[in-house]
PDB file of N, CA and C in Angstrom:
ATOM      1  N   UNK A   1       0.776  -1.192   0.037  1.00  0.00           N
ATOM      2  CA  UNK A   1       0.011   0.063   0.129  1.00  0.00           C
ATOM      3  C   UNK A   1       0.803   1.116   0.019  1.00  0.00           C
ATOM      4  N   UNK A   2       0.479   2.123  -0.859  1.00  0.00           N
ATOM      5  CA  UNK A   2       1.412   3.558  -1.192  1.00  0.00           C
ATOM      6  C   UNK A   2       1.206   4.333   0.307  1.00  0.00           C
ATOM      7  N   UNK A   3       2.041   5.020   0.706  1.00  0.00           N
ATOM      8  CA  UNK A   3       2.156   6.049   1.679  1.00  0.00           C
ATOM      9  C   UNK A   3       1.741   7.336   1.280  1.00  0.00           C
ATOM     10  N   UNK A   4       1.312   8.158   2.223  1.00  0.00           N
ATOM     11  CA  UNK A   4       0.886   9.446   1.773  1.00  0.00           C
ATOM     12  C   UNK A   4       1.923  10.361   1.085  1.00  0.00           C
ATOM     13  N   UNK A   5       3.465   9.950   1.435  1.00  0.00           N
ATOM     14  CA  UNK A   5       4.399  10.840   0.797  1.00  0.00           C
ATOM     15  C   UNK A   5       4.755  10.174  -0.564  1.00  0.00           C
ATOM     16  N   UNK A   6       4.698   8.973  -0.618  1.00  0.00           N
ATOM     17  CA  UNK A   6       4.718   8.182  -2.066  1.00  0.00           C
ATOM     18  C   UNK A   6       3.644   8.754  -3.017  1.00  0.00           C
ATOM     19  N   UNK A   7       2.412   9.151  -2.581  1.00  0.00           N
ATOM     20  CA  UNK A   7       1.558   9.507  -3.498  1.00  0.00           C
ATOM     21  C   UNK A   7       1.612  10.937  -3.848  1.00  0.00           C
ATOM     22  N   UNK A   8       2.273  11.840  -2.730  1.00  0.00           N
ATOM     23  CA  UNK A   8       2.558  13.100  -3.092  1.00  0.00           C
ATOM     24  C   UNK A   8       3.572  13.356  -3.997  1.00  0.00           C
ATOM     25  N   UNK A   9       4.588  12.563  -3.813  1.00  0.00           N
ATOM     26  CA  UNK A   9       5.741  12.441  -4.771  1.00  0.00           C
ATOM     27  C   UNK A   9       5.285  12.038  -6.407  1.00  0.00           C
ATOM     28  N   UNK A  10       4.421  11.153  -6.281  1.00  0.00           N
ATOM     29  CA  UNK A  10       3.974  10.774  -7.748  1.00  0.00           C
ATOM     30  C   UNK A  10       3.172  11.883  -8.166  1.00  0.00           C
ATOM     31  N   UNK A  11       2.308  12.719  -7.256  1.00  0.00           N
ATOM     32  CA  UNK A  11       1.415  13.720  -7.869  1.00  0.00           C
ATOM     33  C   UNK A  11       2.255  14.778  -8.354  1.00  0.00           C
ATOM     34  N   UNK A  12       3.339  15.258  -7.606  1.00  0.00           N
ATOM     35  CA  UNK A  12       4.310  16.120  -8.163  1.00  0.00           C
ATOM     36  C   UNK A  12       4.802  15.880  -9.353  1.00  0.00           C
ATOM     37  N   UNK A  13       5.325  14.560  -9.491  1.00  0.00           N
ATOM     38  CA  UNK A  13       5.959  14.178 -10.666  1.00  0.00           C
ATOM     39  C   UNK A  13       4.666  14.370 -11.901  1.00  0.00           C
ATOM     40  N   UNK A  14       3.733  13.864 -11.538  1.00  0.00           N
ATOM     41  CA  UNK A  14       2.470  13.938 -12.715  1.00  0.00           C
ATOM     42  C   UNK A  14       2.124  15.488 -13.161  1.00  0.00           C
ATOM     43  N   UNK A  15       2.397  16.589 -11.894  1.00  0.00           N
ATOM     44  CA  UNK A  15       2.034  17.761 -12.411  1.00  0.00           C
ATOM     45  C   UNK A  15       3.053  18.265 -13.299  1.00  0.00           C
ATOM     46  N   UNK A  16       4.459  17.917 -12.946  1.00  0.00           N
ATOM     47  CA  UNK A  16       5.571  18.353 -13.780  1.00  0.00           C
ATOM     48  C   UNK A  16       5.370  17.815 -15.377  1.00  0.00           C
ATOM     49  N   UNK A  17       4.909  16.592 -15.378  1.00  0.00           N
ATOM     50  CA  UNK A  17       4.748  16.115 -16.663  1.00  0.00           C
ATOM     51  C   UNK A  17       3.752  16.733 -17.343  1.00  0.00           C
ATOM     52  N   UNK A  18       2.363  16.947 -16.716  1.00  0.00           N
ATOM     53  CA  UNK A  18       1.304  17.776 -17.333  1.00  0.00           C
ATOM     54  C   UNK A  18       1.864  19.119 -17.839  1.00  0.00           C
ATOM     55  N   UNK A  19       2.637  19.825 -17.152  1.00  0.00           N
ATOM     56  CA  UNK A  19       2.892  21.103 -17.408  1.00  0.00           C
ATOM     57  C   UNK A  19       4.042  20.973 -18.785  1.00  0.00           C
ATOM     58  N   UNK A  20       4.800  20.071 -18.779  1.00  0.00           N
ATOM     59  CA  UNK A  20       5.654  19.767 -19.905  1.00  0.00           C
ATOM     60  C   UNK A  20       4.989  19.624 -21.253  1.00  0.00           C
ATOM     61  N   UNK A  21       3.927  18.648 -21.087  1.00  0.00           N
ATOM     62  CA  UNK A  21       3.056  18.415 -22.094  1.00  0.00           C
ATOM     63  C   UNK A  21       2.364  19.548 -22.605  1.00  0.00           C
ATOM     64  N   UNK A  22       1.671  20.605 -21.373  1.00  0.00           N
ATOM     65  CA  UNK A  22       0.984  21.815 -22.053  1.00  0.00           C
ATOM     66  C   UNK A  22       1.930  22.725 -22.772  1.00  0.00           C
ATOM     67  N   UNK A  23       3.336  23.001 -22.419  1.00  0.00           N
ATOM     68  CA  UNK A  23       4.168  23.603 -23.075  1.00  0.00           C
ATOM     69  C   UNK A  23       4.378  23.008 -24.522  1.00  0.00           C
ATOM     70  N   UNK A  24       4.484  21.629 -24.673  1.00  0.00           N
ATOM     71  CA  UNK A  24       4.485  21.044 -26.114  1.00  0.00           C
ATOM     72  C   UNK A  24       3.405  21.643 -27.125  1.00  0.00           C
ATOM     73  N   UNK A  25       1.911  21.405 -26.219  1.00  0.00           N
ATOM     74  CA  UNK A  25       0.966  21.581 -27.016  1.00  0.00           C
ATOM     75  C   UNK A  25       0.692  22.984 -27.290  1.00  0.00           C
ATOM     76  N   UNK A  26       1.139  24.150 -26.507  1.00  0.00           N
ATOM     77  CA  UNK A  26       1.200  25.356 -26.747  1.00  0.00           C
ATOM     78  C   UNK A  26       2.010  25.557 -28.104  1.00  0.00           C
ATOM     79  N   UNK A  27       3.499  25.321 -28.009  1.00  0.00           N
ATOM     80  CA  UNK A  27       4.017  25.403 -29.212  1.00  0.00           C
ATOM     81  C   UNK A  27       3.513  24.858 -30.597  1.00  0.00           C
ATOM     82  N   UNK A  28       2.846  23.781 -30.250  1.00  0.00           N
ATOM     83  CA  UNK A  28       2.435  23.147 -31.598  1.00  0.00           C
ATOM     84  C   UNK A  28       1.054  23.927 -32.107  1.00  0.00           C
ATOM     85  N   UNK A  29       0.417  24.356 -31.193  1.00  0.00           N
ATOM     86  CA  UNK A  29      -0.591  25.200 -31.766  1.00  0.00           C
ATOM     87  C   UNK A  29      -0.131  26.733 -32.268  1.00  0.00           C
ATOM     88  N   UNK A  30       0.951  27.372 -31.674  1.00  0.00           N
ATOM     89  CA  UNK A  30       1.543  28.398 -32.155  1.00  0.00           C
ATOM     90  C   UNK A  30       2.081  28.091 -33.606  1.00  0.00           C
ATOM     91  N   UNK A  31       2.824  26.965 -33.842  1.00  0.00           N
ATOM     92  CA  UNK A  31       3.214  26.699 -35.000  1.00  0.00           C
ATOM     93  C   UNK A  31       2.413  26.443 -36.093  1.00  0.00           C
ATOM     94  N   UNK A  32       1.190  25.826 -35.818  1.00  0.00           N
ATOM     95  CA  UNK A  32      -0.097  25.635 -36.615  1.00  0.00           C
ATOM     96  C   UNK A  32      -0.413  26.986 -36.964  1.00  0.00           C
ATOM     97  N   UNK A  33      -0.462  27.900 -36.349  1.00  0.00           N
ATOM     98  CA  UNK A  33      -1.289  29.116 -36.596  1.00  0.00           C
ATOM     99  C   UNK A  33      -0.240  30.102 -37.151  1.00  0.00           C
ATOM    100  N   UNK A  34       1.058  29.666 -37.207  1.00  0.00           N
ATOM    101  CA  UNK A  34       2.219  30.822 -37.685  1.00  0.00           C
ATOM    102  C   UNK A  34       2.345  32.061 -36.657  1.00  0.00           C
ATOM    103  N   UNK A  35       2.189  31.388 -35.608  1.00  0.00           N
ATOM    104  CA  UNK A  35       2.372  32.726 -34.547  1.00  0.00           C
ATOM    105  C   UNK A  35       3.411  32.210 -33.630  1.00  0.00           C
ATOM    106  N   UNK A  36       4.365  31.742 -34.032  1.00  0.00           N
ATOM    107  CA  UNK A  36       5.638  31.422 -32.876  1.00  0.00           C
ATOM    108  C   UNK A  36       6.229  32.713 -32.621  1.00  0.00           C
ATOM    109  N   UNK A  37       6.761  32.583 -31.286  1.00  0.00           N
ATOM    110  CA  UNK A  37       7.634  33.661 -30.692  1.00  0.00           C
ATOM    111  C   UNK A  37       8.808  33.880 -31.540  1.00  0.00           C
ATOM    112  N   UNK A  38       9.592  35.168 -31.490  1.00  0.00           N
ATOM    113  CA  UNK A  38      10.529  35.541 -32.231  1.00  0.00           C
ATOM    114  C   UNK A  38      11.892  34.342 -31.931  1.00  0.00           C
ATOM    115  N   UNK A  39      11.884  33.867 -30.464  1.00  0.00           N
ATOM    116  CA  UNK A  39      12.880  33.134 -30.182  1.00  0.00           C
ATOM    117  C   UNK A  39      12.824  31.811 -30.823  1.00  0.00           C
ATOM    118  N   UNK A  40      11.665  31.374 -31.184  1.00  0.00           N
ATOM    119  CA  UNK A  40      11.301  29.965 -31.972  1.00  0.00           C
ATOM    120  C   UNK A  40      11.250  29.936 -33.432  1.00  0.00           C
ATOM    121  N   UNK A  41      11.611  31.090 -33.942  1.00  0.00           N
ATOM    122  CA  UNK A  41      11.620  31.351 -35.312  1.00  0.00           C
ATOM    123  C   UNK A  41      13.059  30.790 -35.874  1.00  0.00           C
ATOM    124  N   UNK A  42      13.186  30.313 -37.024  1.00  0.00           N
ATOM    125  CA  UNK A  42      14.518  29.777 -37.481  1.00  0.00           C
ATOM    126  C   UNK A  42      15.424  31.262 -37.665  1.00  0.00           C
ATOM    127  N   UNK A  43      16.469  31.172 -37.408  1.00  0.00           N
ATOM    128  CA  UNK A  43      17.449  32.498 -37.555  1.00  0.00           C
ATOM    129  C   UNK A  43      17.716  32.944 -38.921  1.00  0.00           C
ATOM    130  N   UNK A  44      17.467  32.059 -39.895  1.00  0.00           N
ATOM    131  CA  UNK A  44      17.728  32.493 -41.527  1.00  0.00           C
ATOM    132  C   UNK A  44      16.610  31.585 -42.244  1.00  0.00           C
ATOM    133  N   UNK A  45      16.214  32.208 -43.235  1.00  0.00           N
ATOM    134  CA  UNK A  45      15.230  31.446 -44.122  1.00  0.00           C
ATOM    135  C   UNK A  45      15.533  30.085 -44.241  1.00  0.00           C
ATOM    136  N   UNK A  46      14.371  29.254 -44.218  1.00  0.00           N
ATOM    137  CA  UNK A  46      14.437  27.809 -44.338  1.00  0.00           C
ATOM    138  C   UNK A  46      14.540  27.302 -45.842  1.00  0.00           C
ATOM    139  N   UNK A  47      15.502  26.715 -46.363  1.00  0.00           N
ATOM    140  CA  UNK A  47      15.623  26.425 -47.944  1.00  0.00           C
ATOM    141  C   UNK A  47      14.288  25.379 -48.049  1.00  0.00           C
ATOM    142  N   UNK A  48      14.083  25.308 -49.219  1.00  0.00           N
ATOM    143  CA  UNK A  48      13.020  24.431 -49.840  1.00  0.00           C
ATOM    144  C   UNK A  48      13.143  23.041 -49.364  1.00  0.00           C
ATOM    145  N   UNK A  49      14.379  22.215 -49.550  1.00  0.00           N
ATOM    146  CA  UNK A  49      14.750  20.965 -49.222  1.00  0.00           C
ATOM    147  C   UNK A  49      14.512  20.921 -47.664  1.00  0.00           C
ATOM    148  N   UNK A  50      14.855  21.802 -46.923  1.00  0.00           N
ATOM    149  CA  UNK A  50      14.720  21.637 -45.443  1.00  0.00           C
ATOM    150  C   UNK A  50      12.977  21.571 -45.060  1.00  0.00           C
ATOM    151  N   UNK A  51      12.569  22.511 -45.587  1.00  0.00           N
ATOM    152  CA  UNK A  51      11.125  22.655 -45.418  1.00  0.00           C
ATOM    153  C   UNK A  51      10.300  21.332 -45.835  1.00  0.00           C
ATOM    154  N   UNK A  52      10.719  20.671 -46.842  1.00  0.00           N
ATOM    155  CA  UNK A  52      10.104  19.434 -47.248  1.00  0.00           C
ATOM    156  C   UNK A  52      10.744  18.300 -46.055  1.00  0.00           C
ATOM    157  N   UNK A  53      11.582  18.202 -45.983  1.00  0.00           N
ATOM    158  CA  UNK A  53      12.056  17.361 -44.917  1.00  0.00           C
ATOM    159  C   UNK A  53      11.442  17.522 -43.431  1.00  0.00           C
ATOM    160  N   UNK A  54      11.162  18.861 -43.251  1.00  0.00           N
ATOM    161  CA  UNK A  54      10.496  19.076 -42.030  1.00  0.00           C
ATOM    162  C   UNK A  54       9.078  18.669 -41.952  1.00  0.00           C
ATOM    163  N   UNK A  55       8.435  18.677 -43.223  1.00  0.00           N
ATOM    164  CA  UNK A  55       7.213  18.125 -43.323  1.00  0.00           C
ATOM    165  C   UNK A  55       7.125  16.704 -43.407  1.00  0.00           C
ATOM    166  N   UNK A  56       8.008  16.139 -43.925  1.00  0.00           N
ATOM    167  CA  UNK A  56       8.119  14.622 -44.259  1.00  0.00           C
ATOM    168  C   UNK A  56       8.206  13.917 -42.970  1.00  0.00           C
ATOM    169  N   UNK A  57       9.184  14.552 -41.996  1.00  0.00           N
ATOM    170  CA  UNK A  57       9.495  13.687 -40.802  1.00  0.00           C
ATOM    171  C   UNK A  57       8.526  14.366 -39.714  1.00  0.00           C
ATOM    172  N   UNK A  58       7.837  15.335 -39.935  1.00  0.00           N
ATOM    173  CA  UNK A  58       7.004  16.232 -39.048  1.00  0.00           C
ATOM    174  C   UNK A  58       7.716  16.472 -37.740  1.00  0.00           C
ATOM    175  N   UNK A  59       9.022  17.363 -38.104  1.00  0.00           N
ATOM    176  CA  UNK A  59       9.780  17.814 -37.002  1.00  0.00           C
ATOM    177  C   UNK A  59       9.901  19.235 -37.004  1.00  0.00           C
ATOM    178  N   UNK A  60      10.207  20.131 -36.038  1.00  0.00           N
ATOM    179  CA  UNK A  60      10.333  21.467 -36.127  1.00  0.00           C
ATOM    180  C   UNK A  60      11.839  21.648 -36.717  1.00  0.00           C
ATOM    181  N   UNK A  61      12.035  22.892 -36.889  1.00  0.00           N
ATOM    182  CA  UNK A  61      13.449  23.328 -37.724  1.00  0.00           C
ATOM    183  C   UNK A  61      14.595  22.937 -36.823  1.00  0.00           C
ATOM    184  N   UNK A  62      14.747  22.770 -35.427  1.00  0.00           N
ATOM    185  CA  UNK A  62      15.785  22.709 -34.836  1.00  0.00           C
ATOM    186  C   UNK A  62      16.656  21.351 -35.139  1.00  0.00           C
ATOM    187  N   UNK A  63      16.120  20.267 -35.307  1.00  0.00           N
ATOM    188  CA  UNK A  63      17.002  19.205 -35.652  1.00  0.00           C
ATOM    189  C   UNK A  63      17.918  19.388 -36.835  1.00  0.00           C
ATOM    190  N   UNK A  64      17.296  20.051 -37.755  1.00  0.00           N
ATOM    191  CA  UNK A  64      17.964  20.458 -39.148  1.00  0.00           C
ATOM    192  C   UNK A  64      18.947  21.679 -39.181  1.00  0.00           C
ATOM    193  N   UNK A  65      19.240  22.101 -37.865  1.00  0.00           N
ATOM    194  CA  UNK A  65      20.186  23.237 -37.997  1.00  0.00           C
ATOM    195  C   UNK A  65      21.618  22.802 -37.215  1.00  0.00           C
ATOM    196  N   UNK A  66      22.674  23.358 -37.868  1.00  0.00           N
ATOM    197  CA  UNK A  66      23.917  23.121 -37.173  1.00  0.00           C
ATOM    198  C   UNK A  66      24.356  24.424 -36.239  1.00  0.00           C
ATOM    199  N   UNK A  67      24.218  24.131 -35.198  1.00  0.00           N
ATOM    200  CA  UNK A  67      24.378  25.154 -34.033  1.00  0.00           C
ATOM    201  C   UNK A  67      25.864  25.463 -34.124  1.00  0.00           C
ATOM    202  N   UNK A  68      26.748  24.647 -34.637  1.00  0.00           N
ATOM    203  CA  UNK A  68      28.398  25.102 -34.494  1.00  0.00           C
ATOM    204  C   UNK A  68      28.505  26.030 -35.479  1.00  0.00           C
ATOM    205  N   UNK A  69      27.947  25.867 -36.768  1.00  0.00           N
ATOM    206  CA  UNK A  69      28.456  26.418 -37.982  1.00  0.00           C
ATOM    207  C   UNK A  69      27.337  27.761 -38.234  1.00  0.00           C
ATOM    208  N   UNK A  70      26.023  27.409 -37.586  1.00  0.00           N
ATOM    209  CA  UNK A  70      25.058  28.501 -37.917  1.00  0.00           C
ATOM    210  C   UNK A  70      24.549  28.522 -39.277  1.00  0.00           C
ATOM    211  N   UNK A  71      24.300  27.168 -39.754  1.00  0.00           N
ATOM    212  CA  UNK A  71      23.763  26.789 -41.204  1.00  0.00           C
ATOM    213  C   UNK A  71      22.766  25.635 -41.047  1.00  0.00           C
ATOM    214  N   UNK A  72      22.060  25.509 -42.095  1.00  0.00           N
ATOM    215  CA  UNK A  72      21.253  24.375 -42.308  1.00  0.00           C
ATOM    216  C   UNK A  72      21.881  22.911 -42.600  1.00  0.00           C
ATOM    217  N   UNK A  73      21.764  21.875 -42.179  1.00  0.00           N
ATOM    218  CA  UNK A  73      22.036  20.684 -42.084  1.00  0.00           C
ATOM    219  C   UNK A  73      21.611  20.012 -43.397  1.00  0.00           C
ATOM    220  N   UNK A  74      22.158  19.938 -44.537  1.00  0.00           N
ATOM    221  CA  UNK A  74      21.502  19.565 -45.753  1.00  0.00           C
ATOM    222  C   UNK A  74      21.770  18.053 -46.079  1.00  0.00           C
ATOM    223  N   UNK A  75      22.642  17.375 -45.134  1.00  0.00           N
ATOM    224  CA  UNK A  75      22.774  16.020 -45.257  1.00  0.00           C
ATOM    225  C   UNK A  75      22.550  15.369 -44.024  1.00  0.00           C
ATOM    226  N   UNK A  76      21.727  14.397 -43.808  1.00  0.00           N
ATOM    227  CA  UNK A  76      20.909  13.862 -42.653  1.00  0.00           C
ATOM    228  C   UNK A  76      21.821  12.390 -42.279  1.00  0.00           C
ATOM    229  N   UNK A  77      21.579  12.116 -41.079  1.00  0.00           N
ATOM    230  CA  UNK A  77      22.164  10.846 -40.668  1.00  0.00           C
ATOM    231  C   UNK A  77      21.566   9.752 -41.309  1.00  0.00           C
ATOM    232  N   UNK A  78      22.166   8.707 -41.585  1.00  0.00           N
ATOM    233  CA  UNK A  78      21.378   7.503 -42.270  1.00  0.00           C
ATOM    234  C   UNK A  78      20.176   6.947 -41.579  1.00  0.00           C
ATOM    235  N   UNK A  79      20.395   7.108 -40.294  1.00  0.00           N
ATOM    236  CA  UNK A  79      19.229   6.566 -39.578  1.00  0.00           C
ATOM    237  C   UNK A  79      18.278   7.674 -38.754  1.00  0.00           C
ATOM    238  N   UNK A  80      18.385   8.929 -39.620  1.00  0.00           N
ATOM    239  CA  UNK A  80      17.460   9.886 -39.214  1.00  0.00           C
ATOM    240  C   UNK A  80      15.896   9.407 -39.420  1.00  0.00           C
ATOM    241  N   UNK A  81      15.191   9.801 -38.528  1.00  0.00           N
ATOM    242  CA  UNK A  81      15.282  10.764 -37.244  1.00  0.00           C
ATOM    243  C   UNK A  81      15.665  10.184 -35.897  1.00  0.00           C
ATOM    244  N   UNK A  82      15.908   8.816 -35.989  1.00  0.00           N
ATOM    245  CA  UNK A  82      16.437   7.883 -34.771  1.00  0.00           C
ATOM    246  C   UNK A  82      17.644   8.412 -34.141  1.00  0.00           C
ATOM    247  N   UNK A  83      18.546   8.953 -35.126  1.00  0.00           N
ATOM    248  CA  UNK A  83      19.756   9.359 -34.593  1.00  0.00           C
ATOM    249  C   UNK A  83      20.116  10.474 -35.460  1.00  0.00           C
ATOM    250  N   UNK A  84      20.756  11.711 -34.815  1.00  0.00           N
ATOM    251  CA  UNK A  84      20.809  12.789 -35.627  1.00  0.00           C
ATOM    252  C   UNK A  84      22.434  13.206 -35.332  1.00  0.00           C
ATOM    253  N   UNK A  85      23.098  12.402 -34.974  1.00  0.00           N
ATOM    254  CA  UNK A  85      24.531  12.497 -34.728  1.00  0.00           C
ATOM    255  C   UNK A  85      25.441  12.920 -35.982  1.00  0.00           C
ATOM    256  N   UNK A  86      25.076  12.245 -36.946  1.00  0.00           N
ATOM    257  CA  UNK A  86      25.730  12.456 -38.335  1.00  0.00           C
ATOM    258  C   UNK A  86      25.096  13.576 -39.126  1.00  0.00           C
ATOM    259  N   UNK A  87      24.236  14.435 -38.681  1.00  0.00           N
ATOM    260  CA  UNK A  87      23.693  15.281 -39.434  1.00  0.00           C
ATOM    261  C   UNK A  87      24.791  16.369 -39.567  1.00  0.00           C
ATOM    262  N   UNK A  88      24.844  16.873 -41.124  1.00  0.00           N
ATOM    263  CA  UNK A  88      26.128  17.757 -41.270  1.00  0.00           C
ATOM    264  C   UNK A  88      25.752  18.876 -42.162  1.00  0.00           C
ATOM    265  N   UNK A  89      26.332  20.201 -42.066  1.00  0.00           N
ATOM    266  CA  UNK A  89      25.999  21.200 -42.906  1.00  0.00           C
ATOM    267  C   UNK A  89      27.242  21.136 -43.849  1.00  0.00           C
ATOM    268  N   UNK A  90      27.213  22.093 -45.103  1.00  0.00           N
ATOM    269  CA  UNK A  90      28.685  22.053 -45.794  1.00  0.00           C
ATOM    270  C   UNK A  90      29.859  22.279 -45.036  1.00  0.00           C
ATOM    271  N   UNK A  91      29.985  23.003 -43.876  1.00  0.00           N
ATOM    272  CA  UNK A  91      31.145  23.418 -43.342  1.00  0.00           C
ATOM    273  C   UNK A  91      31.675  22.226 -42.475  1.00  0.00           C
ATOM    274  N   UNK A  92      30.769  21.420 -41.789  1.00  0.00           N
ATOM    275  CA  UNK A  92      30.875  20.275 -41.189  1.00  0.00           C
ATOM    276  C   UNK A  92      31.702  19.106 -42.185  1.00  0.00           C
ATOM    277  N   UNK A  93      31.306  19.072 -43.471  1.00  0.00           N
ATOM    278  CA  UNK A  93      31.712  18.128 -44.488  1.00  0.00           C
ATOM    279  C   UNK A  93      33.116  18.751 -44.904  1.00  0.00           C
ATOM    280  N   UNK A  94      33.264  20.015 -44.878  1.00  0.00           N
ATOM    281  CA  UNK A  94      34.436  20.530 -45.489  1.00  0.00           C
ATOM    282  C   UNK A  94      34.407  21.154 -46.883  1.00  0.00           C
ATOM    283  N   UNK A  95      33.013  21.073 -47.581  1.00  0.00           N
ATOM    284  CA  UNK A  95      32.442  21.692 -48.819  1.00  0.00           C
ATOM    285  C   UNK A  95      32.738  23.254 -48.670  1.00  0.00           C
ATOM    286  N   UNK A  96      32.928  23.827 -49.663  1.00  0.00           N
ATOM    287  CA  UNK A  96      33.052  25.220 -49.708  1.00  0.00           C
ATOM    288  C   UNK A  96      31.967  25.804 -50.337  1.00  0.00           C
TER     289      UNK A  96
END
């Protein structure tokens, strides 16, 4: 039988999960309505190829962005979207 402290801890954990889900839902609604906050917008215009990949994989722009070189990753990991470790931008690959 669960104690009162166990139930309180579980309730706190569930409330945190609920808040996280509400934040995800709010962002998804803003994205669908094209009303993202400025900090949620891509830093530079999204190329057509990246837009197609975002729609195909149903993912936001962040997984396609190279934060190290501040460019779009135009080459995806072979097991994307399950692994994103080998996503690369032209500078990562050494292309000019």
